[in-house]
């Protein structure tokens, strides 16, 4: 049997542990978003990132009272970039956030 590189989610935690896990996931997801979108230096694979978001989404579905307005699951977009900076990225230079 072959093993997938996609991490499996940890066992479900209850009560306060679930609340702490949700907050830890939010912080970790934000950190990885910043590394990927702003610094252009991803620290984990897309599959690992997706697994983190999926785990947070599952917790929030199980416990809607843990959903926060600033949760990564509640956002549609991310950091805005200037058009000229993103064109430069196509030429091998990093995008910079719009001011």
C-alpha atoms as a PDB file:
ATOM      1  CA  UNK A   1       0.000   0.000   0.000  1.00  0.00           C
ATOM      2  CA  UNK A   2       1.457   3.383  -0.996  1.00  0.00           C
ATOM      3  CA  UNK A   3       1.479   6.398   1.277  1.00  0.00           C
ATOM      4  CA  UNK A   4       0.233   9.787   0.119  1.00  0.00           C
ATOM      5  CA  UNK A   5       2.304  12.913   0.749  1.00  0.00           C
ATOM      6  CA  UNK A   6      -0.848  14.754   1.823  1.00  0.00           C
ATOM      7  CA  UNK A   7      -0.922  14.949   5.619  1.00  0.00           C
ATOM      8  CA  UNK A   8      -3.824  13.324   7.386  1.00  0.00           C
ATOM      9  CA  UNK A   9      -5.771  15.418   9.798  1.00  0.00           C
ATOM     10  CA  UNK A  10      -5.226  14.883  13.516  1.00  0.00           C
ATOM     11  CA  UNK A  11      -7.874  13.163  15.609  1.00  0.00           C
ATOM     12  CA  UNK A  12     -10.829  15.364  16.571  1.00  0.00           C
ATOM     13  CA  UNK A  13     -10.360  17.270  19.768  1.00  0.00           C
ATOM     14  CA  UNK A  14     -13.207  18.382  22.007  1.00  0.00           C
ATOM     15  CA  UNK A  15     -14.161  21.508  23.903  1.00  0.00           C
ATOM     16  CA  UNK A  16     -11.388  23.984  24.665  1.00  0.00           C
ATOM     17  CA  UNK A  17      -8.883  21.832  22.783  1.00  0.00           C
ATOM     18  CA  UNK A  18     -10.912  22.320  19.604  1.00  0.00           C
ATOM     19  CA  UNK A  19     -11.018  26.067  20.186  1.00  0.00           C
ATOM     20  CA  UNK A  20      -7.227  26.163  20.690  1.00  0.00           C
ATOM     21  CA  UNK A  21      -6.690  24.030  17.577  1.00  0.00           C
ATOM     22  CA  UNK A  22      -8.852  26.382  15.468  1.00  0.00           C
ATOM     23  CA  UNK A  23      -6.913  29.443  16.638  1.00  0.00           C
ATOM     24  CA  UNK A  24      -3.574  27.694  16.069  1.00  0.00           C
ATOM     25  CA  UNK A  25      -4.677  26.743  12.542  1.00  0.00           C
ATOM     26  CA  UNK A  26      -5.758  30.338  11.796  1.00  0.00           C
ATOM     27  CA  UNK A  27      -2.367  31.658  12.903  1.00  0.00           C
ATOM     28  CA  UNK A  28      -0.464  28.984  10.955  1.00  0.00           C
ATOM     29  CA  UNK A  29      -2.529  29.576   7.791  1.00  0.00           C
ATOM     30  CA  UNK A  30      -1.970  33.352   8.017  1.00  0.00           C
ATOM     31  CA  UNK A  31       1.777  32.823   8.434  1.00  0.00           C
ATOM     32  CA  UNK A  32       1.916  30.554   5.381  1.00  0.00           C
ATOM     33  CA  UNK A  33      -0.218  32.970   3.329  1.00  0.00           C
ATOM     34  CA  UNK A  34       2.205  35.783   4.167  1.00  0.00           C
ATOM     35  CA  UNK A  35       5.224  33.648   3.261  1.00  0.00           C
ATOM     36  CA  UNK A  36       3.626  32.603  -0.036  1.00  0.00           C
ATOM     37  CA  UNK A  37       1.854  35.730  -1.251  1.00  0.00           C
ATOM     38  CA  UNK A  38       3.902  38.569   0.252  1.00  0.00           C
ATOM     39  CA  UNK A  39       7.410  37.174   0.652  1.00  0.00           C
ATOM     40  CA  UNK A  40       7.181  34.810  -2.342  1.00  0.00           C
ATOM     41  CA  UNK A  41       8.869  32.167  -0.170  1.00  0.00           C
ATOM     42  CA  UNK A  42       6.475  29.259   0.407  1.00  0.00           C
ATOM     43  CA  UNK A  43       7.352  27.073   3.389  1.00  0.00           C
ATOM     44  CA  UNK A  44       4.978  24.164   2.696  1.00  0.00           C
ATOM     45  CA  UNK A  45       3.447  22.485  -0.349  1.00  0.00           C
ATOM     46  CA  UNK A  46       0.049  23.467  -1.721  1.00  0.00           C
ATOM     47  CA  UNK A  47      -1.315  20.098  -0.559  1.00  0.00           C
ATOM     48  CA  UNK A  48      -0.099  20.713   3.001  1.00  0.00           C
ATOM     49  CA  UNK A  49      -1.625  24.205   2.971  1.00  0.00           C
ATOM     50  CA  UNK A  50      -4.924  22.858   1.635  1.00  0.00           C
ATOM     51  CA  UNK A  51      -4.951  20.236   4.417  1.00  0.00           C
ATOM     52  CA  UNK A  52      -4.597  22.990   7.054  1.00  0.00           C
ATOM     53  CA  UNK A  53      -7.473  24.984   5.553  1.00  0.00           C
ATOM     54  CA  UNK A  54      -9.614  21.849   5.275  1.00  0.00           C
ATOM     55  CA  UNK A  55      -8.990  20.974   8.914  1.00  0.00           C
ATOM     56  CA  UNK A  56      -9.981  24.499   9.997  1.00  0.00           C
ATOM     57  CA  UNK A  57     -13.073  24.372   7.788  1.00  0.00           C
ATOM     58  CA  UNK A  58     -14.108  21.025   9.350  1.00  0.00           C
ATOM     59  CA  UNK A  59     -13.688  22.401  12.865  1.00  0.00           C
ATOM     60  CA  UNK A  60     -15.768  25.470  11.984  1.00  0.00           C
ATOM     61  CA  UNK A  61     -18.467  23.298  10.402  1.00  0.00           C
ATOM     62  CA  UNK A  62     -18.581  21.127  13.522  1.00  0.00           C
ATOM     63  CA  UNK A  63     -18.501  24.152  15.831  1.00  0.00           C
ATOM     64  CA  UNK A  64     -19.961  27.238  14.081  1.00  0.00           C
ATOM     65  CA  UNK A  65     -19.502  29.182  17.318  1.00  0.00           C
ATOM     66  CA  UNK A  66     -15.732  29.036  16.660  1.00  0.00           C
ATOM     67  CA  UNK A  67     -15.981  30.893  13.319  1.00  0.00           C
ATOM     68  CA  UNK A  68     -14.403  34.341  13.512  1.00  0.00           C
ATOM     69  CA  UNK A  69     -14.851  37.202  11.058  1.00  0.00           C
ATOM     70  CA  UNK A  70     -11.109  37.206  10.348  1.00  0.00           C
ATOM     71  CA  UNK A  71     -10.864  33.450   9.771  1.00  0.00           C
ATOM     72  CA  UNK A  72      -9.079  32.471   6.547  1.00  0.00           C
ATOM     73  CA  UNK A  73     -12.178  30.404   5.688  1.00  0.00           C
ATOM     74  CA  UNK A  74     -14.315  33.575   5.644  1.00  0.00           C
ATOM     75  CA  UNK A  75     -12.194  35.550   3.165  1.00  0.00           C
ATOM     76  CA  UNK A  76     -12.639  35.629  -0.580  1.00  0.00           C
ATOM     77  CA  UNK A  77      -9.362  37.326  -1.560  1.00  0.00           C
ATOM     78  CA  UNK A  78      -5.907  38.019  -0.229  1.00  0.00           C
ATOM     79  CA  UNK A  79      -3.267  40.717  -0.502  1.00  0.00           C
ATOM     80  CA  UNK A  80      -3.669  43.121  -3.426  1.00  0.00           C
ATOM     81  CA  UNK A  81      -0.701  43.486  -5.766  1.00  0.00           C
ATOM     82  CA  UNK A  82       0.015  46.278  -8.195  1.00  0.00           C
ATOM     83  CA  UNK A  83      -0.340  45.280 -11.832  1.00  0.00           C
ATOM     84  CA  UNK A  84       3.142  46.441 -12.814  1.00  0.00           C
ATOM     85  CA  UNK A  85       4.744  44.463  -9.989  1.00  0.00           C
ATOM     86  CA  UNK A  86       2.988  41.274 -11.099  1.00  0.00           C
ATOM     87  CA  UNK A  87       4.106  41.806 -14.678  1.00  0.00           C
ATOM     88  CA  UNK A  88       7.649  41.995 -13.340  1.00  0.00           C
ATOM     89  CA  UNK A  89       7.059  38.655 -11.630  1.00  0.00           C
ATOM     90  CA  UNK A  90       6.475  37.078 -15.029  1.00  0.00           C
ATOM     91  CA  UNK A  91       9.960  38.277 -15.921  1.00  0.00           C
ATOM     92  CA  UNK A  92      11.370  36.536 -12.831  1.00  0.00           C
ATOM     93  CA  UNK A  93      11.019  39.282 -10.240  1.00  0.00           C
ATOM     94  CA  UNK A  94       8.805  39.120  -7.146  1.00  0.00           C
ATOM     95  CA  UNK A  95       5.446  40.901  -6.868  1.00  0.00           C
ATOM     96  CA  UNK A  96       5.188  43.605  -4.234  1.00  0.00           C
ATOM     97  CA  UNK A  97       2.067  44.534  -2.317  1.00  0.00           C
ATOM     98  CA  UNK A  98       0.190  47.560  -3.579  1.00  0.00           C
ATOM     99  CA  UNK A  99       0.437  50.586  -1.365  1.00  0.00           C
END
